[in-house]
Amino acid sequence: MSISSSVPDVQQVIERIDAITRELQALRRQVMQSKGAVKPGLPARLFGALGRGTWDEYDPNLDSMSEAIVQFKLRPRDALHYAAMQRAGCLDVASSDMHFDRIPHLRRHSL
């Protein structure tokens, strides 16, 4: 197996992002249909710490995610987390995922 076959190409990344977007849209419809009957903890899972996130915190331009996939050979999910961390100015992560060690300026704190 060649190295290039194990690295996702741009089209694969775009298709995965589209799939995630569809999943989030379906979840949004479920939340909207619940009309206030949101399960405890759902806002925190969707919006982060204390459930007080805003859509302004999310980067609609995922260029930094795509760059991280290529530059640090990250999986799309890790690259998305890294892109969000960059946007928030956070360079520390508490994770058992050693893929984050590929990013030299990021400090990973083991769990």
N, C-alpha and C. Protein backbone atom coordinates (compact mmCIF):
# COMPACT_ATOMS: atom_id res chain seq x y z
N MET A 1 0.85 -1.18 0.00
CA MET A 1 0.00 0.00 0.00
C MET A 1 0.89 1.24 0.00
N SER A 2 0.62 2.16 -0.88
CA SER A 2 1.42 3.37 -0.94
C SER A 2 0.91 4.38 0.09
N ILE A 3 1.76 5.30 0.43
CA ILE A 3 1.39 6.32 1.42
C ILE A 3 0.24 7.16 0.88
N SER A 4 0.29 7.50 -0.40
CA SER A 4 -0.75 8.38 -0.96
C SER A 4 -2.13 7.75 -0.89
N SER A 5 -2.22 6.42 -0.91
CA SER A 5 -3.54 5.79 -0.84
C SER A 5 -4.13 5.83 0.56
N SER A 6 -3.29 6.05 1.59
CA SER A 6 -3.81 6.09 2.95
C SER A 6 -4.19 7.50 3.39
N VAL A 7 -3.79 8.52 2.64
CA VAL A 7 -4.11 9.90 2.96
C VAL A 7 -5.37 10.29 2.19
N PRO A 8 -6.40 10.80 2.90
CA PRO A 8 -7.62 11.15 2.18
C PRO A 8 -7.38 12.31 1.22
N ASP A 9 -7.97 12.25 0.05
CA ASP A 9 -7.84 13.36 -0.87
C ASP A 9 -8.89 14.41 -0.53
N VAL A 10 -8.82 15.54 -1.19
CA VAL A 10 -9.71 16.65 -0.88
C VAL A 10 -11.17 16.25 -1.05
N GLN A 11 -11.48 15.51 -2.09
CA GLN A 11 -12.86 15.10 -2.34
C GLN A 11 -13.39 14.24 -1.19
N GLN A 12 -12.55 13.33 -0.66
CA GLN A 12 -12.98 12.50 0.46
C GLN A 12 -13.26 13.35 1.68
N VAL A 13 -12.42 14.34 1.92
CA VAL A 13 -12.62 15.22 3.08
C VAL A 13 -13.92 16.00 2.91
N ILE A 14 -14.16 16.52 1.71
CA ILE A 14 -15.39 17.28 1.45
C ILE A 14 -16.61 16.38 1.62
N GLU A 15 -16.55 15.16 1.14
CA GLU A 15 -17.67 14.23 1.29
C GLU A 15 -17.93 13.94 2.76
N ARG A 16 -16.88 13.79 3.55
CA ARG A 16 -17.06 13.52 4.99
C ARG A 16 -17.67 14.74 5.69
N ILE A 17 -17.21 15.92 5.32
CA ILE A 17 -17.77 17.14 5.91
C ILE A 17 -19.26 17.24 5.55
N ASP A 18 -19.60 16.93 4.30
CA ASP A 18 -21.00 16.96 3.88
C ASP A 18 -21.83 15.95 4.68
N ALA A 19 -21.28 14.76 4.93
CA ALA A 19 -21.99 13.75 5.71
C ALA A 19 -22.22 14.23 7.14
N ILE A 20 -21.21 14.85 7.73
CA ILE A 20 -21.34 15.38 9.09
C ILE A 20 -22.39 16.48 9.12
N THR A 21 -22.38 17.33 8.10
CA THR A 21 -23.36 18.41 8.01
C THR A 21 -24.78 17.85 7.95
N ARG A 22 -24.98 16.80 7.14
CA ARG A 22 -26.30 16.18 7.06
C ARG A 22 -26.71 15.62 8.42
N GLU A 23 -25.78 14.98 9.13
CA GLU A 23 -26.09 14.42 10.45
C GLU A 23 -26.48 15.54 11.42
N LEU A 24 -25.76 16.65 11.38
CA LEU A 24 -26.08 17.77 12.26
C LEU A 24 -27.43 18.40 11.91
N GLN A 25 -27.73 18.48 10.63
CA GLN A 25 -29.02 19.02 10.22
C GLN A 25 -30.16 18.12 10.72
N ALA A 26 -29.97 16.81 10.66
CA ALA A 26 -30.99 15.88 11.16
C ALA A 26 -31.16 16.05 12.67
N LEU A 27 -30.05 16.21 13.38
CA LEU A 27 -30.11 16.43 14.83
C LEU A 27 -30.81 17.75 15.13
N ARG A 28 -30.53 18.76 14.34
CA ARG A 28 -31.18 20.06 14.53
C ARG A 28 -32.69 19.93 14.37
N ARG A 29 -33.12 19.18 13.34
CA ARG A 29 -34.56 18.99 13.14
C ARG A 29 -35.19 18.28 14.34
N GLN A 30 -34.49 17.28 14.90
CA GLN A 30 -35.00 16.57 16.07
C GLN A 30 -35.14 17.51 17.26
N VAL A 31 -34.13 18.37 17.45
CA VAL A 31 -34.18 19.31 18.57
C VAL A 31 -35.31 20.31 18.36
N MET A 32 -35.47 20.82 17.15
CA MET A 32 -36.53 21.78 16.87
C MET A 32 -37.91 21.16 17.06
N GLN A 33 -38.07 19.89 16.73
CA GLN A 33 -39.36 19.22 16.86
C GLN A 33 -39.68 18.90 18.32
N SER A 34 -38.67 18.84 19.16
CA SER A 34 -38.90 18.49 20.57
C SER A 34 -39.60 19.62 21.33
N LYS A 35 -39.52 20.85 20.82
CA LYS A 35 -40.20 22.02 21.41
C LYS A 35 -40.00 22.10 22.92
N GLY A 36 -38.76 22.20 23.31
CA GLY A 36 -38.45 22.40 24.71
C GLY A 36 -38.18 21.13 25.49
N ALA A 37 -38.39 19.99 24.89
CA ALA A 37 -38.17 18.73 25.59
C ALA A 37 -36.77 18.20 25.29
N VAL A 38 -35.78 19.07 25.38
CA VAL A 38 -34.40 18.69 25.09
C VAL A 38 -33.84 17.89 26.25
N LYS A 39 -33.21 16.80 25.94
CA LYS A 39 -32.63 15.96 26.98
C LYS A 39 -31.54 16.71 27.73
N PRO A 40 -31.41 16.49 29.04
CA PRO A 40 -30.36 17.15 29.81
C PRO A 40 -28.99 16.83 29.22
N GLY A 41 -28.15 17.84 29.15
CA GLY A 41 -26.79 17.64 28.65
C GLY A 41 -26.64 17.83 27.15
N LEU A 42 -27.75 17.86 26.42
CA LEU A 42 -27.64 18.02 24.98
C LEU A 42 -27.03 19.36 24.59
N PRO A 43 -27.46 20.48 25.16
CA PRO A 43 -26.82 21.75 24.79
C PRO A 43 -25.32 21.75 25.06
N ALA A 44 -24.90 21.15 26.18
CA ALA A 44 -23.47 21.11 26.49
C ALA A 44 -22.72 20.28 25.46
N ARG A 45 -23.33 19.17 25.02
CA ARG A 45 -22.66 18.34 24.01
C ARG A 45 -22.59 19.06 22.67
N LEU A 46 -23.58 19.86 22.36
CA LEU A 46 -23.60 20.55 21.07
C LEU A 46 -22.74 21.80 21.07
N PHE A 47 -22.73 22.53 22.16
CA PHE A 47 -22.09 23.84 22.17
C PHE A 47 -20.87 23.96 23.07
N GLY A 48 -20.46 22.91 23.73
CA GLY A 48 -19.24 22.98 24.53
C GLY A 48 -19.52 23.35 25.97
N ALA A 49 -18.50 23.87 26.62
CA ALA A 49 -18.53 24.14 28.04
C ALA A 49 -19.75 24.97 28.44
N LEU A 50 -20.51 24.46 29.37
CA LEU A 50 -21.66 25.12 29.95
C LEU A 50 -22.79 25.37 28.95
N GLY A 51 -22.67 24.84 27.73
CA GLY A 51 -23.72 25.02 26.75
C GLY A 51 -23.94 26.46 26.34
N ARG A 52 -22.90 27.27 26.45
CA ARG A 52 -23.05 28.70 26.17
C ARG A 52 -22.35 29.13 24.88
N GLY A 53 -22.01 28.19 24.04
CA GLY A 53 -21.36 28.52 22.78
C GLY A 53 -22.30 29.23 21.84
N THR A 54 -21.72 29.89 20.87
CA THR A 54 -22.52 30.56 19.84
C THR A 54 -22.04 30.09 18.48
N TRP A 55 -22.85 30.31 17.48
CA TRP A 55 -22.45 29.91 16.13
C TRP A 55 -21.24 30.71 15.67
N ASP A 56 -20.99 31.88 16.26
CA ASP A 56 -19.82 32.68 15.88
C ASP A 56 -18.52 31.98 16.23
N GLU A 57 -18.56 31.00 17.14
CA GLU A 57 -17.35 30.30 17.54
C GLU A 57 -16.91 29.28 16.50
N TYR A 58 -17.80 28.94 15.60
CA TYR A 58 -17.50 27.89 14.63
C TYR A 58 -17.06 28.50 13.32
N ASP A 59 -16.01 27.97 12.75
CA ASP A 59 -15.40 28.49 11.54
C ASP A 59 -16.06 27.87 10.32
N PRO A 60 -16.87 28.63 9.58
CA PRO A 60 -17.51 28.06 8.39
C PRO A 60 -16.50 27.80 7.28
N ASN A 61 -15.37 28.46 7.35
CA ASN A 61 -14.33 28.27 6.37
C ASN A 61 -13.34 27.25 6.93
N LEU A 62 -13.43 26.03 6.47
CA LEU A 62 -12.66 24.94 7.07
C LEU A 62 -11.27 24.78 6.45
N ASP A 63 -10.71 25.86 5.93
CA ASP A 63 -9.38 25.78 5.33
C ASP A 63 -8.35 25.28 6.34
N SER A 64 -8.42 25.77 7.57
CA SER A 64 -7.43 25.36 8.56
C SER A 64 -7.55 23.86 8.86
N MET A 65 -8.76 23.33 8.79
CA MET A 65 -8.95 21.89 9.00
C MET A 65 -8.28 21.10 7.87
N SER A 66 -8.53 21.51 6.64
CA SER A 66 -7.93 20.82 5.49
C SER A 66 -6.42 20.89 5.53
N GLU A 67 -5.89 22.05 5.91
CA GLU A 67 -4.44 22.21 6.00
C GLU A 67 -3.86 21.29 7.07
N ALA A 68 -4.55 21.15 8.20
CA ALA A 68 -4.06 20.30 9.28
C ALA A 68 -4.05 18.83 8.87
N ILE A 69 -5.04 18.42 8.08
CA ILE A 69 -5.08 17.04 7.60
C ILE A 69 -3.83 16.74 6.79
N VAL A 70 -3.47 17.66 5.91
CA VAL A 70 -2.31 17.46 5.05
C VAL A 70 -1.01 17.65 5.82
N GLN A 71 -0.90 18.77 6.52
CA GLN A 71 0.36 19.12 7.18
C GLN A 71 0.75 18.16 8.30
N PHE A 72 -0.22 17.77 9.13
CA PHE A 72 0.10 16.95 10.30
C PHE A 72 -0.41 15.52 10.16
N LYS A 73 -0.96 15.20 9.00
CA LYS A 73 -1.48 13.85 8.73
C LYS A 73 -2.50 13.42 9.79
N LEU A 74 -3.46 14.33 10.05
CA LEU A 74 -4.50 14.07 11.04
C LEU A 74 -5.72 13.47 10.39
N ARG A 75 -6.50 12.75 11.18
CA ARG A 75 -7.81 12.29 10.74
C ARG A 75 -8.73 13.51 10.72
N PRO A 76 -9.78 13.50 9.88
CA PRO A 76 -10.66 14.67 9.81
C PRO A 76 -11.22 15.10 11.17
N ARG A 77 -11.59 14.14 12.00
CA ARG A 77 -12.14 14.50 13.32
C ARG A 77 -11.10 15.24 14.17
N ASP A 78 -9.86 14.75 14.18
CA ASP A 78 -8.80 15.42 14.94
C ASP A 78 -8.52 16.80 14.35
N ALA A 79 -8.53 16.89 13.03
CA ALA A 79 -8.27 18.17 12.36
C ALA A 79 -9.37 19.17 12.68
N LEU A 80 -10.60 18.71 12.78
CA LEU A 80 -11.71 19.60 13.13
C LEU A 80 -11.52 20.13 14.56
N HIS A 81 -11.14 19.24 15.48
CA HIS A 81 -10.88 19.69 16.85
C HIS A 81 -9.74 20.70 16.87
N TYR A 82 -8.68 20.43 16.13
CA TYR A 82 -7.53 21.33 16.09
C TYR A 82 -7.94 22.69 15.50
N ALA A 83 -8.74 22.68 14.43
CA ALA A 83 -9.18 23.93 13.82
C ALA A 83 -10.01 24.76 14.81
N ALA A 84 -10.88 24.09 15.57
CA ALA A 84 -11.69 24.79 16.58
C ALA A 84 -10.81 25.34 17.68
N MET A 85 -9.79 24.57 18.07
CA MET A 85 -8.87 25.03 19.11
C MET A 85 -8.11 26.26 18.64
N GLN A 86 -7.66 26.25 17.38
CA GLN A 86 -6.96 27.40 16.83
C GLN A 86 -7.86 28.63 16.87
N ARG A 87 -9.09 28.44 16.46
CA ARG A 87 -10.05 29.55 16.40
C ARG A 87 -10.25 30.15 17.80
N ALA A 88 -10.25 29.28 18.82
CA ALA A 88 -10.45 29.72 20.20
C ALA A 88 -9.16 30.19 20.86
N GLY A 89 -8.03 30.01 20.19
CA GLY A 89 -6.74 30.40 20.76
C GLY A 89 -6.24 29.44 21.83
N CYS A 90 -6.68 28.21 21.78
CA CYS A 90 -6.31 27.20 22.76
C CYS A 90 -5.26 26.27 22.16
N LEU A 91 -4.13 26.14 22.81
CA LEU A 91 -3.08 25.26 22.30
C LEU A 91 -2.76 24.14 23.29
N ASP A 92 -3.69 23.86 24.19
CA ASP A 92 -3.57 22.75 25.12
C ASP A 92 -4.77 21.84 24.92
N VAL A 93 -4.53 20.52 24.96
CA VAL A 93 -5.63 19.57 24.82
C VAL A 93 -5.42 18.43 25.81
N ALA A 94 -6.48 18.04 26.49
CA ALA A 94 -6.45 16.87 27.38
C ALA A 94 -7.01 15.71 26.59
N SER A 95 -6.14 14.79 26.21
CA SER A 95 -6.57 13.70 25.33
C SER A 95 -5.61 12.53 25.44
N SER A 96 -6.14 11.34 25.24
CA SER A 96 -5.28 10.17 25.15
C SER A 96 -4.91 9.89 23.70
N ASP A 97 -5.38 10.71 22.78
CA ASP A 97 -5.14 10.55 21.34
C ASP A 97 -3.75 11.07 20.98
N MET A 98 -2.85 10.16 20.67
CA MET A 98 -1.46 10.53 20.38
C MET A 98 -1.30 11.21 19.02
N HIS A 99 -2.35 11.24 18.19
CA HIS A 99 -2.26 11.94 16.92
C HIS A 99 -1.99 13.44 17.13
N PHE A 100 -2.46 13.98 18.25
CA PHE A 100 -2.22 15.39 18.53
C PHE A 100 -0.75 15.69 18.76
N ASP A 101 0.06 14.67 19.06
CA ASP A 101 1.50 14.86 19.25
C ASP A 101 2.19 15.25 17.94
N ARG A 102 1.53 15.07 16.82
CA ARG A 102 2.10 15.43 15.52
C ARG A 102 2.13 16.94 15.31
N ILE A 103 1.43 17.68 16.16
CA ILE A 103 1.37 19.13 16.03
C ILE A 103 2.37 19.72 17.02
N PRO A 104 3.51 20.21 16.53
CA PRO A 104 4.60 20.61 17.42
C PRO A 104 4.25 21.72 18.42
N HIS A 105 3.41 22.67 18.06
CA HIS A 105 3.11 23.79 18.95
C HIS A 105 1.90 23.52 19.86
N LEU A 106 1.36 22.31 19.83
CA LEU A 106 0.22 21.94 20.67
C LEU A 106 0.72 21.12 21.86
N ARG A 107 0.20 21.39 23.04
CA ARG A 107 0.55 20.60 24.22
C ARG A 107 -0.58 19.66 24.55
N ARG A 108 -0.27 18.36 24.49
CA ARG A 108 -1.26 17.34 24.82
C ARG A 108 -1.02 16.89 26.25
N HIS A 109 -2.07 16.90 27.04
CA HIS A 109 -2.01 16.42 28.42
C HIS A 109 -2.72 15.07 28.45
N SER A 110 -2.00 14.03 28.80
CA SER A 110 -2.56 12.66 28.78
C SER A 110 -3.64 12.51 29.82
N LEU A 111 -4.61 11.69 29.48
CA LEU A 111 -5.69 11.39 30.42
C LEU A 111 -5.35 10.13 31.18
